[in-house]
């Protein structure tokens, strides 16, 4: 299996070569939970900046609906599923990212389990944005409207057995017992991973491993 560093290096050329429709190049980096999106996005952005291309990461996790809304909708146990996000808000942001000189966006605080409005900022001189998230190439109502916004789209394709191991380790790291960690991984995260796999829009670049 390739490392995150290998993946980021492999993506540098295709991203730099991609034309842009607006003032900024928008890169979608999609994949299931625990596929390594955040790590690859940060490594790719570091390489882009080193190559003289001003770049930043914008995670879609800032569009998690608040837990109080999820409770009212009986979705708290399924937090992270497509219905638990404000996909309309994400779409409005992505459209603004292309051309607006300065853009503010929400960031998800995992320690507090809340989204914080206006906590992220895209500077006017930023050239390329790597937007990372589970559902950026998801073929479902509302979500598929994102696809025309991307100048280049990337999917990370990771075997379910690898995802399972990483997810259990993730929840163990958050203090869950082994049984609770497996239940969380299998009852929610892997269900979301299967949704992504079953309704995937085409990507310009797919990295398997």
C-alpha atoms as a PDB file:
ATOM      1  CA  UNK A   1       0.000   0.000   0.000  1.00  0.00           C
ATOM      2  CA  UNK A   2       1.334   3.471  -0.839  1.00  0.00           C
ATOM      3  CA  UNK A   3       2.025   5.894   1.983  1.00  0.00           C
ATOM      4  CA  UNK A   4       0.292   9.234   2.428  1.00  0.00           C
ATOM      5  CA  UNK A   5       3.525  10.893   1.294  1.00  0.00           C
ATOM      6  CA  UNK A   6       3.521   8.804  -1.895  1.00  0.00           C
ATOM      7  CA  UNK A   7      -0.071   9.753  -2.610  1.00  0.00           C
ATOM      8  CA  UNK A   8       0.552  13.449  -2.091  1.00  0.00           C
ATOM      9  CA  UNK A   9       3.597  13.316  -4.358  1.00  0.00           C
ATOM     10  CA  UNK A  10       1.620  11.493  -7.059  1.00  0.00           C
ATOM     11  CA  UNK A  11      -1.093  14.172  -6.941  1.00  0.00           C
ATOM     12  CA  UNK A  12       1.178  17.194  -7.192  1.00  0.00           C
ATOM     13  CA  UNK A  13       1.627  17.073 -10.965  1.00  0.00           C
ATOM     14  CA  UNK A  14      -2.036  16.484 -11.896  1.00  0.00           C
ATOM     15  CA  UNK A  15      -3.187  19.271  -9.578  1.00  0.00           C
ATOM     16  CA  UNK A  16      -0.668  21.816 -10.876  1.00  0.00           C
ATOM     17  CA  UNK A  17      -1.565  20.899 -14.465  1.00  0.00           C
ATOM     18  CA  UNK A  18      -5.318  21.290 -13.954  1.00  0.00           C
ATOM     19  CA  UNK A  19      -6.861  24.426 -15.495  1.00  0.00           C
ATOM     20  CA  UNK A  20      -9.213  26.454 -13.361  1.00  0.00           C
ATOM     21  CA  UNK A  21     -12.653  27.841 -14.146  1.00  0.00           C
ATOM     22  CA  UNK A  22     -12.394  30.712 -11.648  1.00  0.00           C
ATOM     23  CA  UNK A  23      -9.722  32.760  -9.909  1.00  0.00           C
ATOM     24  CA  UNK A  24      -8.850  29.751  -7.736  1.00  0.00           C
ATOM     25  CA  UNK A  25      -8.260  26.118  -8.598  1.00  0.00           C
ATOM     26  CA  UNK A  26     -10.668  23.917  -6.614  1.00  0.00           C
ATOM     27  CA  UNK A  27      -9.557  20.375  -5.843  1.00  0.00           C
ATOM     28  CA  UNK A  28     -11.954  17.800  -4.401  1.00  0.00           C
ATOM     29  CA  UNK A  29     -10.280  15.131  -2.286  1.00  0.00           C
ATOM     30  CA  UNK A  30     -12.953  12.560  -1.483  1.00  0.00           C
ATOM     31  CA  UNK A  31     -12.961   9.199   0.217  1.00  0.00           C
ATOM     32  CA  UNK A  32     -14.586   7.182   2.976  1.00  0.00           C
ATOM     33  CA  UNK A  33     -13.968   7.704   6.689  1.00  0.00           C
ATOM     34  CA  UNK A  34     -10.375   6.788   7.687  1.00  0.00           C
ATOM     35  CA  UNK A  35      -9.139   6.732   4.076  1.00  0.00           C
ATOM     36  CA  UNK A  36      -6.466   9.291   4.971  1.00  0.00           C
ATOM     37  CA  UNK A  37      -8.057  12.342   3.350  1.00  0.00           C
ATOM     38  CA  UNK A  38      -6.948  14.874   5.947  1.00  0.00           C
ATOM     39  CA  UNK A  39      -3.355  13.650   5.994  1.00  0.00           C
ATOM     40  CA  UNK A  40      -3.042  13.518   2.207  1.00  0.00           C
ATOM     41  CA  UNK A  41      -4.675  16.954   1.887  1.00  0.00           C
ATOM     42  CA  UNK A  42      -2.195  18.540   4.303  1.00  0.00           C
ATOM     43  CA  UNK A  43       0.789  16.865   2.628  1.00  0.00           C
ATOM     44  CA  UNK A  44      -0.430  17.880  -0.833  1.00  0.00           C
ATOM     45  CA  UNK A  45      -0.917  21.490   0.248  1.00  0.00           C
ATOM     46  CA  UNK A  46       2.593  21.530   1.745  1.00  0.00           C
ATOM     47  CA  UNK A  47       3.997  20.338  -1.595  1.00  0.00           C
ATOM     48  CA  UNK A  48       1.960  22.881  -3.544  1.00  0.00           C
ATOM     49  CA  UNK A  49       3.215  25.709  -1.359  1.00  0.00           C
ATOM     50  CA  UNK A  50       6.798  24.450  -1.701  1.00  0.00           C
ATOM     51  CA  UNK A  51       6.329  24.513  -5.473  1.00  0.00           C
ATOM     52  CA  UNK A  52       5.363  28.189  -5.328  1.00  0.00           C
ATOM     53  CA  UNK A  53       1.591  27.643  -5.546  1.00  0.00           C
ATOM     54  CA  UNK A  54      -0.238  29.303  -2.636  1.00  0.00           C
ATOM     55  CA  UNK A  55      -2.603  26.587  -1.355  1.00  0.00           C
ATOM     56  CA  UNK A  56      -4.761  25.707   1.642  1.00  0.00           C
ATOM     57  CA  UNK A  57      -7.075  22.969   2.899  1.00  0.00           C
ATOM     58  CA  UNK A  58     -10.805  23.501   3.453  1.00  0.00           C
ATOM     59  CA  UNK A  59     -12.465  20.544   5.267  1.00  0.00           C
ATOM     60  CA  UNK A  60     -16.172  19.894   4.735  1.00  0.00           C
ATOM     61  CA  UNK A  61     -16.532  18.824   8.393  1.00  0.00           C
ATOM     62  CA  UNK A  62     -17.432  22.376   9.396  1.00  0.00           C
ATOM     63  CA  UNK A  63     -20.859  21.663   7.901  1.00  0.00           C
ATOM     64  CA  UNK A  64     -21.829  19.041  10.488  1.00  0.00           C
ATOM     65  CA  UNK A  65     -25.270  19.930  11.788  1.00  0.00           C
ATOM     66  CA  UNK A  66     -25.350  20.807  15.484  1.00  0.00           C
ATOM     67  CA  UNK A  67     -26.005  17.915  17.865  1.00  0.00           C
ATOM     68  CA  UNK A  68     -29.270  19.503  19.023  1.00  0.00           C
ATOM     69  CA  UNK A  69     -30.597  19.400  15.470  1.00  0.00           C
ATOM     70  CA  UNK A  70     -29.377  15.830  15.048  1.00  0.00           C
ATOM     71  CA  UNK A  71     -31.158  14.812  18.250  1.00  0.00           C
ATOM     72  CA  UNK A  72     -34.428  16.305  16.994  1.00  0.00           C
ATOM     73  CA  UNK A  73     -34.000  14.391  13.746  1.00  0.00           C
ATOM     74  CA  UNK A  74     -32.966  11.154  15.486  1.00  0.00           C
ATOM     75  CA  UNK A  75     -29.625  11.280  13.684  1.00  0.00           C
ATOM     76  CA  UNK A  76     -27.143  11.747  16.515  1.00  0.00           C
ATOM     77  CA  UNK A  77     -26.047   8.101  16.467  1.00  0.00           C
ATOM     78  CA  UNK A  78     -25.513   8.435  12.704  1.00  0.00           C
ATOM     79  CA  UNK A  79     -23.476  11.645  12.865  1.00  0.00           C
ATOM     80  CA  UNK A  80     -21.313  11.685   9.757  1.00  0.00           C
ATOM     81  CA  UNK A  81     -23.979  10.268   7.441  1.00  0.00           C
ATOM     82  CA  UNK A  82     -24.989  12.470   4.488  1.00  0.00           C
ATOM     83  CA  UNK A  83     -28.186  13.654   6.203  1.00  0.00           C
ATOM     84  CA  UNK A  84     -26.196  14.973   9.166  1.00  0.00           C
ATOM     85  CA  UNK A  85     -24.506  17.689   7.075  1.00  0.00           C
ATOM     86  CA  UNK A  86     -25.685  21.044   5.741  1.00  0.00           C
ATOM     87  CA  UNK A  87     -24.919  20.206   2.108  1.00  0.00           C
ATOM     88  CA  UNK A  88     -26.618  23.397   0.894  1.00  0.00           C
ATOM     89  CA  UNK A  89     -24.279  25.486   3.010  1.00  0.00           C
ATOM     90  CA  UNK A  90     -21.302  23.520   1.717  1.00  0.00           C
ATOM     91  CA  UNK A  91     -22.379  24.098  -1.878  1.00  0.00           C
ATOM     92  CA  UNK A  92     -22.714  27.851  -1.299  1.00  0.00           C
ATOM     93  CA  UNK A  93     -19.234  27.930   0.217  1.00  0.00           C
ATOM     94  CA  UNK A  94     -17.636  25.965  -2.619  1.00  0.00           C
ATOM     95  CA  UNK A  95     -19.166  28.282  -5.196  1.00  0.00           C
ATOM     96  CA  UNK A  96     -17.830  31.291  -3.284  1.00  0.00           C
ATOM     97  CA  UNK A  97     -14.361  29.750  -2.984  1.00  0.00           C
ATOM     98  CA  UNK A  98     -13.903  29.819  -6.736  1.00  0.00           C
ATOM     99  CA  UNK A  99     -14.084  33.581  -7.214  1.00  0.00           C
ATOM    100  CA  UNK A 100     -14.635  35.561  -3.994  1.00  0.00           C
ATOM    101  CA  UNK A 101     -11.423  37.363  -2.961  1.00  0.00           C
ATOM    102  CA  UNK A 102     -11.718  36.561   0.752  1.00  0.00           C
ATOM    103  CA  UNK A 103     -13.857  33.776   2.193  1.00  0.00           C
ATOM    104  CA  UNK A 104     -14.604  32.692   5.763  1.00  0.00           C
ATOM    105  CA  UNK A 105     -15.828  29.179   6.529  1.00  0.00           C
ATOM    106  CA  UNK A 106     -16.786  27.015   9.536  1.00  0.00           C
ATOM    107  CA  UNK A 107     -14.381  24.588  11.177  1.00  0.00           C
ATOM    108  CA  UNK A 108     -15.339  21.496  13.164  1.00  0.00           C
ATOM    109  CA  UNK A 109     -13.861  21.309  16.664  1.00  0.00           C
ATOM    110  CA  UNK A 110     -13.583  17.570  17.351  1.00  0.00           C
ATOM    111  CA  UNK A 111     -12.687  17.996  21.011  1.00  0.00           C
ATOM    112  CA  UNK A 112     -15.913  19.940  21.630  1.00  0.00           C
ATOM    113  CA  UNK A 113     -17.926  18.139  18.930  1.00  0.00           C
ATOM    114  CA  UNK A 114     -19.234  21.381  17.440  1.00  0.00           C
ATOM    115  CA  UNK A 115     -18.809  23.445  14.285  1.00  0.00           C
ATOM    116  CA  UNK A 116     -17.488  26.975  14.795  1.00  0.00           C
ATOM    117  CA  UNK A 117     -18.732  29.555  12.307  1.00  0.00           C
ATOM    118  CA  UNK A 118     -16.204  31.824  10.616  1.00  0.00           C
ATOM    119  CA  UNK A 119     -13.210  30.073  12.188  1.00  0.00           C
ATOM    120  CA  UNK A 120     -11.441  29.454   8.874  1.00  0.00           C
ATOM    121  CA  UNK A 121     -10.268  32.053   6.375  1.00  0.00           C
ATOM    122  CA  UNK A 122      -9.165  31.851   2.752  1.00  0.00           C
ATOM    123  CA  UNK A 123      -6.848  34.723   1.879  1.00  0.00           C
ATOM    124  CA  UNK A 124      -7.345  36.742  -1.274  1.00  0.00           C
ATOM    125  CA  UNK A 125      -3.979  35.606  -2.683  1.00  0.00           C
ATOM    126  CA  UNK A 126      -4.689  31.886  -2.261  1.00  0.00           C
ATOM    127  CA  UNK A 127      -4.377  30.151  -5.647  1.00  0.00           C
ATOM    128  CA  UNK A 128      -5.484  26.549  -4.967  1.00  0.00           C
ATOM    129  CA  UNK A 129      -7.845  25.036  -2.425  1.00  0.00           C
ATOM    130  CA  UNK A 130      -7.988  21.361  -1.526  1.00  0.00           C
ATOM    131  CA  UNK A 131     -11.492  20.648  -0.233  1.00  0.00           C
ATOM    132  CA  UNK A 132     -11.583  17.313   1.598  1.00  0.00           C
ATOM    133  CA  UNK A 133     -14.561  15.269   2.748  1.00  0.00           C
ATOM    134  CA  UNK A 134     -16.501  12.035   2.491  1.00  0.00           C
ATOM    135  CA  UNK A 135     -19.275  13.148   0.156  1.00  0.00           C
ATOM    136  CA  UNK A 136     -17.686  15.520  -2.338  1.00  0.00           C
ATOM    137  CA  UNK A 137     -18.199  12.970  -5.147  1.00  0.00           C
ATOM    138  CA  UNK A 138     -21.435  11.469  -3.830  1.00  0.00           C
ATOM    139  CA  UNK A 139     -24.155  10.807  -6.407  1.00  0.00           C
ATOM    140  CA  UNK A 140     -27.229  11.850  -4.432  1.00  0.00           C
ATOM    141  CA  UNK A 141     -29.655  14.796  -4.540  1.00  0.00           C
ATOM    142  CA  UNK A 142     -27.941  18.011  -3.465  1.00  0.00           C
ATOM    143  CA  UNK A 143     -24.527  16.410  -3.174  1.00  0.00           C
ATOM    144  CA  UNK A 144     -24.086  15.802  -6.898  1.00  0.00           C
ATOM    145  CA  UNK A 145     -24.439  19.568  -7.467  1.00  0.00           C
ATOM    146  CA  UNK A 146     -20.901  19.900  -6.127  1.00  0.00           C
ATOM    147  CA  UNK A 147     -19.300  17.997  -9.004  1.00  0.00           C
ATOM    148  CA  UNK A 148     -19.339  20.830 -11.593  1.00  0.00           C
ATOM    149  CA  UNK A 149     -17.481  23.057  -9.116  1.00  0.00           C
ATOM    150  CA  UNK A 150     -14.279  20.998  -9.106  1.00  0.00           C
ATOM    151  CA  UNK A 151     -11.382  21.787 -11.414  1.00  0.00           C
ATOM    152  CA  UNK A 152      -9.870  18.423 -10.505  1.00  0.00           C
ATOM    153  CA  UNK A 153     -11.431  15.611  -8.467  1.00  0.00           C
ATOM    154  CA  UNK A 154      -9.551  12.922  -6.553  1.00  0.00           C
ATOM    155  CA  UNK A 155     -10.832   9.801  -4.844  1.00  0.00           C
ATOM    156  CA  UNK A 156      -8.960   7.743  -2.249  1.00  0.00           C
ATOM    157  CA  UNK A 157     -10.019   4.103  -2.562  1.00  0.00           C
ATOM    158  CA  UNK A 158      -9.060   2.013   0.490  1.00  0.00           C
ATOM    159  CA  UNK A 159     -10.114  -1.609   1.197  1.00  0.00           C
ATOM    160  CA  UNK A 160     -12.840  -1.987   3.806  1.00  0.00           C
ATOM    161  CA  UNK A 161     -10.657  -4.219   5.982  1.00  0.00           C
ATOM    162  CA  UNK A 162      -8.082  -1.426   6.226  1.00  0.00           C
ATOM    163  CA  UNK A 163     -10.791   1.126   7.015  1.00  0.00           C
ATOM    164  CA  UNK A 164     -12.166  -1.153   9.729  1.00  0.00           C
ATOM    165  CA  UNK A 165      -8.787  -1.428  11.441  1.00  0.00           C
ATOM    166  CA  UNK A 166      -8.129   2.303  11.258  1.00  0.00           C
ATOM    167  CA  UNK A 167     -11.597   3.187  12.526  1.00  0.00           C
ATOM    168  CA  UNK A 168     -11.387   0.863  15.506  1.00  0.00           C
ATOM    169  CA  UNK A 169      -7.970   2.309  16.334  1.00  0.00           C
ATOM    170  CA  UNK A 170      -9.400   5.824  16.023  1.00  0.00           C
ATOM    171  CA  UNK A 171     -12.166   5.160  18.536  1.00  0.00           C
ATOM    172  CA  UNK A 172      -9.815   3.346  20.880  1.00  0.00           C
ATOM    173  CA  UNK A 173      -7.718   6.496  20.794  1.00  0.00           C
ATOM    174  CA  UNK A 174     -10.790   8.460  21.883  1.00  0.00           C
ATOM    175  CA  UNK A 175     -11.070   6.274  24.985  1.00  0.00           C
ATOM    176  CA  UNK A 176     -13.741   3.791  23.895  1.00  0.00           C
ATOM    177  CA  UNK A 177     -13.536   0.173  24.987  1.00  0.00           C
ATOM    178  CA  UNK A 178     -12.645  -2.410  22.299  1.00  0.00           C
ATOM    179  CA  UNK A 179     -16.287  -3.517  22.008  1.00  0.00           C
ATOM    180  CA  UNK A 180     -17.571   0.058  21.843  1.00  0.00           C
ATOM    181  CA  UNK A 181     -14.910   1.004  19.291  1.00  0.00           C
ATOM    182  CA  UNK A 182     -15.894  -1.877  17.022  1.00  0.00           C
ATOM    183  CA  UNK A 183     -19.577  -1.041  17.424  1.00  0.00           C
ATOM    184  CA  UNK A 184     -18.971   2.599  16.511  1.00  0.00           C
ATOM    185  CA  UNK A 185     -16.876   1.657  13.493  1.00  0.00           C
ATOM    186  CA  UNK A 186     -19.250  -1.005  12.196  1.00  0.00           C
ATOM    187  CA  UNK A 187     -22.545   0.649  13.123  1.00  0.00           C
ATOM    188  CA  UNK A 188     -21.869   4.067  11.666  1.00  0.00           C
ATOM    189  CA  UNK A 189     -18.533   4.757   9.960  1.00  0.00           C
ATOM    190  CA  UNK A 190     -18.417   1.676   7.746  1.00  0.00           C
ATOM    191  CA  UNK A 191     -22.060   2.178   6.829  1.00  0.00           C
ATOM    192  CA  UNK A 192     -21.080   5.617   5.559  1.00  0.00           C
ATOM    193  CA  UNK A 193     -18.088   4.166   3.720  1.00  0.00           C
ATOM    194  CA  UNK A 194     -20.386   1.761   1.888  1.00  0.00           C
ATOM    195  CA  UNK A 195     -22.689   4.635   0.922  1.00  0.00           C
ATOM    196  CA  UNK A 196     -19.742   6.461  -0.631  1.00  0.00           C
ATOM    197  CA  UNK A 197     -18.670   3.349  -2.542  1.00  0.00           C
ATOM    198  CA  UNK A 198     -22.159   2.506  -3.775  1.00  0.00           C
ATOM    199  CA  UNK A 199     -22.956   5.980  -5.154  1.00  0.00           C
ATOM    200  CA  UNK A 200     -19.631   7.342  -6.353  1.00  0.00           C
ATOM    201  CA  UNK A 201     -19.395   9.949  -9.102  1.00  0.00           C
ATOM    202  CA  UNK A 202     -16.422   9.695 -11.492  1.00  0.00           C
ATOM    203  CA  UNK A 203     -13.121  11.165 -10.327  1.00  0.00           C
ATOM    204  CA  UNK A 204     -10.338  12.577 -12.467  1.00  0.00           C
ATOM    205  CA  UNK A 205      -7.786  10.697 -10.363  1.00  0.00           C
ATOM    206  CA  UNK A 206      -8.333   7.591  -8.221  1.00  0.00           C
ATOM    207  CA  UNK A 207      -5.615   6.373  -5.864  1.00  0.00           C
ATOM    208  CA  UNK A 208      -6.048   2.843  -4.583  1.00  0.00           C
ATOM    209  CA  UNK A 209      -4.324   1.242  -1.647  1.00  0.00           C
END
